[in-house]
N, C-alpha and C. Protein backbone atom coordinates (compact mmCIF):
# COMPACT_ATOMS: atom_id res chain seq x y z
N MET A 1 0.77 -0.99 0.13
CA MET A 1 -0.07 0.10 0.20
C MET A 1 1.18 1.03 0.08
N THR A 2 0.48 1.97 -0.63
CA THR A 2 1.47 3.52 -0.66
C THR A 2 1.12 4.65 -0.18
N HIS A 3 1.77 5.33 0.39
CA HIS A 3 1.65 6.67 1.09
C HIS A 3 0.02 6.91 1.55
N ALA A 4 -0.25 7.18 0.18
CA ALA A 4 -0.92 8.03 -0.36
C ALA A 4 -2.22 6.88 -0.11
N GLU A 5 -2.03 5.74 -0.90
CA GLU A 5 -3.32 4.67 -0.52
C GLU A 5 -3.84 4.69 1.04
N LEU A 6 -2.56 4.53 2.24
CA LEU A 6 -2.96 4.83 3.47
C LEU A 6 -3.50 6.08 3.67
N THR A 7 -3.04 7.20 3.23
CA THR A 7 -3.51 8.20 4.14
C THR A 7 -5.26 8.24 3.44
N ALA A 8 -5.87 7.40 2.51
CA ALA A 8 -6.83 7.78 2.10
C ALA A 8 -7.54 7.03 3.07
N THR A 9 -7.09 5.58 3.16
CA THR A 9 -7.98 4.44 3.79
C THR A 9 -8.01 4.99 5.21
N ILE A 10 -7.23 5.69 5.89
CA ILE A 10 -7.34 6.18 7.14
C ILE A 10 -8.37 6.79 6.72
N ARG A 11 -8.76 8.49 6.33
CA ARG A 11 -9.40 9.16 6.45
C ARG A 11 -10.42 8.76 6.02
N ASN A 12 -10.94 7.47 5.20
CA ASN A 12 -12.02 6.66 4.86
C ASN A 12 -12.33 5.88 6.35
N LEU A 13 -11.49 5.77 7.00
CA LEU A 13 -11.99 4.89 8.02
C LEU A 13 -12.28 5.58 9.58
N LYS A 14 -11.55 6.89 9.31
CA LYS A 14 -12.38 8.36 10.16
C LYS A 14 -13.63 8.49 10.07
N ASP A 15 -13.89 8.76 8.51
CA ASP A 15 -15.40 9.29 7.68
C ASP A 15 -16.06 7.81 8.51
N LEU A 16 -15.88 6.44 8.21
CA LEU A 16 -16.73 5.84 8.54
C LEU A 16 -17.12 5.46 10.37
N ARG A 17 -15.87 5.49 11.08
CA ARG A 17 -16.72 5.41 12.24
C ARG A 17 -17.07 7.30 12.65
N ASN A 18 -17.41 8.07 12.16
CA ASN A 18 -18.03 9.22 12.44
C ASN A 18 -19.98 9.11 12.13
N LEU A 19 -19.65 8.76 10.74
CA LEU A 19 -21.10 8.21 10.27
C LEU A 19 -21.42 6.90 11.26
N ALA A 20 -21.20 5.93 12.01
CA ALA A 20 -21.09 4.82 13.24
C ALA A 20 -20.97 5.28 14.19
N GLU A 21 -21.26 6.36 14.70
CA GLU A 21 -21.44 7.37 15.63
C GLU A 21 -23.15 8.13 15.80
N GLN A 22 -22.73 8.82 14.48
CA GLN A 22 -24.07 9.71 14.03
C GLN A 22 -25.06 8.04 14.08
N LEU A 23 -24.77 7.06 13.62
CA LEU A 23 -26.27 6.27 13.38
C LEU A 23 -26.58 5.96 14.95
N GLN A 24 -25.52 5.44 15.08
CA GLN A 24 -26.19 5.33 16.96
C GLN A 24 -26.43 6.20 17.81
N ALA A 25 -26.07 6.96 17.55
CA ALA A 25 -27.00 8.44 18.77
C ALA A 25 -29.01 8.64 17.65
N GLU A 26 -28.76 8.21 16.56
CA GLU A 26 -30.07 7.83 15.94
C GLU A 26 -30.86 6.50 15.93
N ILE A 27 -29.96 5.16 16.60
CA ILE A 27 -30.81 3.99 17.23
C ILE A 27 -31.08 4.71 18.16
N THR A 28 -30.08 4.62 19.25
CA THR A 28 -30.91 5.80 20.60
C THR A 28 -32.02 6.15 20.54
N ALA A 29 -31.52 7.21 19.82
CA ALA A 29 -33.03 8.23 19.72
C ALA A 29 -34.57 7.45 19.18
N ALA A 30 -34.07 6.56 18.57
CA ALA A 30 -35.16 5.55 17.95
C ALA A 30 -35.96 4.86 19.72
N GLU A 31 -34.92 4.50 19.75
CA GLU A 31 -35.06 3.38 20.73
C GLU A 31 -35.71 4.11 22.16
N ASP A 32 -35.46 5.78 21.90
CA ASP A 32 -35.99 6.15 23.62
C ASP A 32 -37.46 6.18 23.12
N ALA A 33 -37.74 6.93 21.83
CA ALA A 33 -39.08 6.88 22.10
C ALA A 33 -39.83 5.73 21.80
N ILE A 34 -39.53 4.79 21.34
CA ILE A 34 -40.30 3.61 21.60
C ILE A 34 -40.32 3.20 23.13
N LYS A 35 -39.23 3.64 24.39
CA LYS A 35 -39.43 3.31 25.56
C LYS A 35 -40.59 3.87 25.37
N ALA A 36 -40.34 5.58 25.75
CA ALA A 36 -41.59 6.67 26.22
C ALA A 36 -43.06 5.67 25.71
N GLU A 37 -42.56 5.67 24.94
CA GLU A 37 -44.03 5.14 24.12
C GLU A 37 -44.57 3.68 25.38
N MET A 38 -43.70 2.69 25.37
CA MET A 38 -44.09 2.09 26.08
C MET A 38 -43.89 2.39 27.72
N THR A 39 -43.45 2.82 27.67
CA THR A 39 -43.86 3.56 29.65
C THR A 39 -45.54 4.45 29.72
N ALA A 40 -45.20 5.15 29.03
CA ALA A 40 -47.09 5.99 29.06
C ALA A 40 -47.85 4.66 28.53
N GLN A 41 -47.34 3.55 27.78
CA GLN A 41 -49.19 2.60 27.57
C GLN A 41 -48.69 1.52 29.06
N GLU A 42 -47.68 1.65 29.77
CA GLU A 42 -47.04 0.39 30.81
C GLU A 42 -47.14 -0.42 30.43
N ALA A 43 -46.41 -0.46 29.38
CA ALA A 43 -46.40 -2.18 28.57
C ALA A 43 -45.06 -2.99 28.85
N ASP A 44 -44.78 -3.83 28.89
CA ASP A 44 -43.38 -4.37 28.90
C ASP A 44 -43.35 -4.84 27.33
N GLU A 45 -44.69 -5.23 26.22
CA GLU A 45 -44.89 -6.09 25.36
C GLU A 45 -45.73 -4.66 25.08
N ILE A 46 -45.39 -5.14 23.41
CA ILE A 46 -46.71 -4.15 22.20
C ILE A 46 -46.24 -4.98 20.85
N SER A 47 -47.23 -5.19 20.35
CA SER A 47 -47.17 -5.43 19.03
C SER A 47 -47.98 -4.57 17.57
N ILE A 48 -46.92 -4.39 16.89
CA ILE A 48 -47.58 -3.58 16.10
C ILE A 48 -47.26 -3.71 14.68
N PHE A 49 -48.50 -3.17 14.41
CA PHE A 49 -49.07 -4.33 13.00
C PHE A 49 -48.54 -3.55 12.10
N ASP A 50 -47.06 -3.58 10.91
CA ASP A 50 -46.89 -2.84 9.97
C ASP A 50 -47.31 -3.01 8.35
N GLU A 51 -48.23 -1.84 7.80
CA GLU A 51 -49.29 -2.62 6.84
C GLU A 51 -47.92 -2.33 5.44
N VAL A 52 -47.55 -1.78 5.39
CA VAL A 52 -46.23 -1.56 4.25
C VAL A 52 -45.47 -3.26 4.67
N ALA A 53 -44.72 -3.87 5.41
CA ALA A 53 -43.64 -4.64 5.19
C ALA A 53 -45.00 -6.51 5.77
N GLY A 54 -46.22 -6.07 5.81
CA GLY A 54 -46.79 -6.82 5.71
C GLY A 54 -47.18 -7.91 7.45
N TYR A 55 -46.42 -7.01 8.43
CA TYR A 55 -46.58 -8.18 9.72
C TYR A 55 -46.44 -7.41 10.89
N ALA A 56 -46.52 -7.65 12.17
CA ALA A 56 -46.74 -7.24 13.31
C ALA A 56 -44.95 -7.43 13.83
N HIS A 57 -44.60 -6.25 14.39
CA HIS A 57 -43.36 -6.31 15.31
C HIS A 57 -43.60 -6.46 16.38
N LYS A 58 -43.07 -6.95 17.17
CA LYS A 58 -42.87 -7.41 18.56
C LYS A 58 -42.26 -6.99 19.47
N ILE A 59 -42.20 -5.62 20.27
CA ILE A 59 -41.22 -5.30 20.77
C ILE A 59 -41.30 -5.67 22.21
N ARG A 60 -40.51 -5.88 23.32
CA ARG A 60 -40.04 -6.29 24.68
C ARG A 60 -39.00 -5.22 24.85
N TRP A 61 -39.51 -4.89 26.26
CA TRP A 61 -38.74 -4.30 27.00
C TRP A 61 -38.97 -4.22 28.43
N THR A 62 -38.25 -5.74 28.85
CA THR A 62 -38.45 -6.34 30.37
C THR A 62 -36.81 -6.25 31.28
N THR A 63 -37.47 -6.45 32.17
CA THR A 63 -36.74 -5.91 33.42
C THR A 63 -35.43 -7.61 33.58
N TYR A 64 -34.42 -7.66 33.65
CA TYR A 64 -33.99 -8.84 34.62
C TYR A 64 -32.86 -8.42 35.39
N THR A 65 -33.15 -9.20 36.22
CA THR A 65 -31.53 -9.58 37.40
C THR A 65 -30.66 -10.47 36.41
N ALA A 66 -29.77 -9.74 37.01
CA ALA A 66 -28.44 -10.65 36.40
C ALA A 66 -26.87 -10.59 37.70
N SER A 67 -26.66 -11.29 38.24
CA SER A 67 -25.38 -11.22 39.48
C SER A 67 -24.34 -11.30 38.53
N ARG A 68 -23.25 -10.87 39.04
CA ARG A 68 -21.94 -10.64 38.47
C ARG A 68 -21.24 -10.43 39.89
N LEU A 69 -19.70 -10.86 39.47
CA LEU A 69 -18.59 -10.88 40.32
C LEU A 69 -18.06 -9.50 40.58
N ASP A 70 -18.05 -8.73 42.26
CA ASP A 70 -17.53 -7.33 42.03
C ASP A 70 -16.06 -7.93 42.37
N GLY A 71 -15.04 -8.16 41.32
CA GLY A 71 -14.05 -7.79 41.36
C GLY A 71 -13.10 -6.89 42.48
N ALA A 72 -13.64 -5.48 41.89
CA ALA A 72 -12.76 -4.58 43.01
C ALA A 72 -12.99 -4.77 44.66
N ALA A 73 -14.37 -5.39 45.11
CA ALA A 73 -14.80 -5.46 46.84
C ALA A 73 -13.93 -6.83 47.17
N LEU A 74 -13.67 -8.33 46.37
CA LEU A 74 -13.04 -9.42 46.06
C LEU A 74 -11.30 -8.53 46.58
N LYS A 75 -11.29 -7.44 45.44
CA LYS A 75 -9.80 -7.33 46.56
C LYS A 75 -10.11 -6.86 47.28
N LYS A 76 -10.71 -6.28 47.75
CA LYS A 76 -10.65 -5.42 49.19
C LYS A 76 -10.72 -6.43 50.03
N ALA A 77 -11.42 -7.22 50.01
CA ALA A 77 -11.90 -7.99 51.49
C ALA A 77 -10.74 -9.54 51.20
N LEU A 78 -10.28 -9.85 50.23
CA LEU A 78 -9.86 -10.70 49.84
C LEU A 78 -8.82 -11.18 49.27
N PRO A 79 -7.69 -10.24 49.04
CA PRO A 79 -6.84 -9.61 48.22
C PRO A 79 -5.99 -10.77 47.70
N GLU A 80 -5.46 -12.09 48.68
CA GLU A 80 -4.52 -13.16 48.32
C GLU A 80 -6.13 -13.86 47.11
N ILE A 81 -6.65 -14.14 47.63
CA ILE A 81 -7.22 -15.20 46.76
C ILE A 81 -7.70 -14.28 45.58
N ALA A 82 -8.09 -13.02 45.41
CA ALA A 82 -8.69 -12.47 43.78
C ALA A 82 -7.01 -12.66 43.37
N ALA A 83 -6.05 -12.51 43.83
CA ALA A 83 -4.83 -12.59 42.82
C ALA A 83 -4.49 -14.02 42.59
N GLN A 84 -4.64 -15.07 43.43
CA GLN A 84 -4.89 -16.07 43.10
C GLN A 84 -5.35 -16.93 41.85
N PHE A 85 -7.06 -15.56 42.04
CA PHE A 85 -7.72 -16.21 40.72
C PHE A 85 -7.95 -14.87 39.59
N THR A 86 -6.58 -14.28 39.61
CA THR A 86 -6.88 -13.64 38.82
C THR A 86 -5.74 -13.65 37.68
N LYS A 87 -6.17 -13.60 35.89
CA LYS A 87 -5.69 -13.86 34.98
C LYS A 87 -5.59 -12.61 33.82
N THR A 88 -4.01 -12.78 33.40
CA THR A 88 -3.62 -11.86 33.12
C THR A 88 -3.56 -11.93 31.94
N THR A 89 -3.55 -11.34 30.55
CA THR A 89 -4.15 -11.33 29.38
C THR A 89 -3.10 -10.51 28.75
N THR A 90 -2.92 -10.82 27.36
CA THR A 90 -2.02 -9.44 26.22
C THR A 90 -2.83 -9.82 25.27
N ALA A 91 -3.10 -7.91 24.75
CA ALA A 91 -4.09 -7.96 23.57
C ALA A 91 -3.19 -6.48 22.85
N ARG A 92 -3.99 -6.40 21.58
CA ARG A 92 -3.26 -5.12 21.36
C ARG A 92 -4.19 -4.06 20.44
N ARG A 93 -4.30 -2.80 20.84
CA ARG A 93 -5.06 -2.17 20.56
C ARG A 93 -5.24 -1.44 19.44
N PHE A 94 -5.68 -0.93 18.62
CA PHE A 94 -5.80 -0.62 17.63
C PHE A 94 -6.47 0.85 17.43
N SER A 95 -5.74 2.39 17.17
CA SER A 95 -6.15 3.47 17.35
C SER A 95 -5.79 4.42 16.36
N ILE A 96 -6.53 5.20 16.30
CA ILE A 96 -6.17 6.48 14.98
C ILE A 96 -6.75 7.40 16.10
N ALA A 97 -5.67 8.64 15.81
CA ALA A 97 -5.63 9.55 16.67
C ALA A 97 -5.99 11.23 15.58
């Protein structure tokens, strides 16, 4: 790859990342609008028939409970145990400034 091609590829990647951020913001706004309507209807699930597509969209916004290990609390309370079960990994990070 020539210097000019690499520069063009970097510029294109930056443009694509900006577009992805804009799209994510639009997605979040659309999701928030749907969630607001579901909250107004006091519904965890709604079905909306799409006349253009010819089928119903079923939307669910449900609450769930998850249990996760609190690593910081474990390290504070039992540092030896935490160290015994700590796994170190190596990875590479790709970034463009």
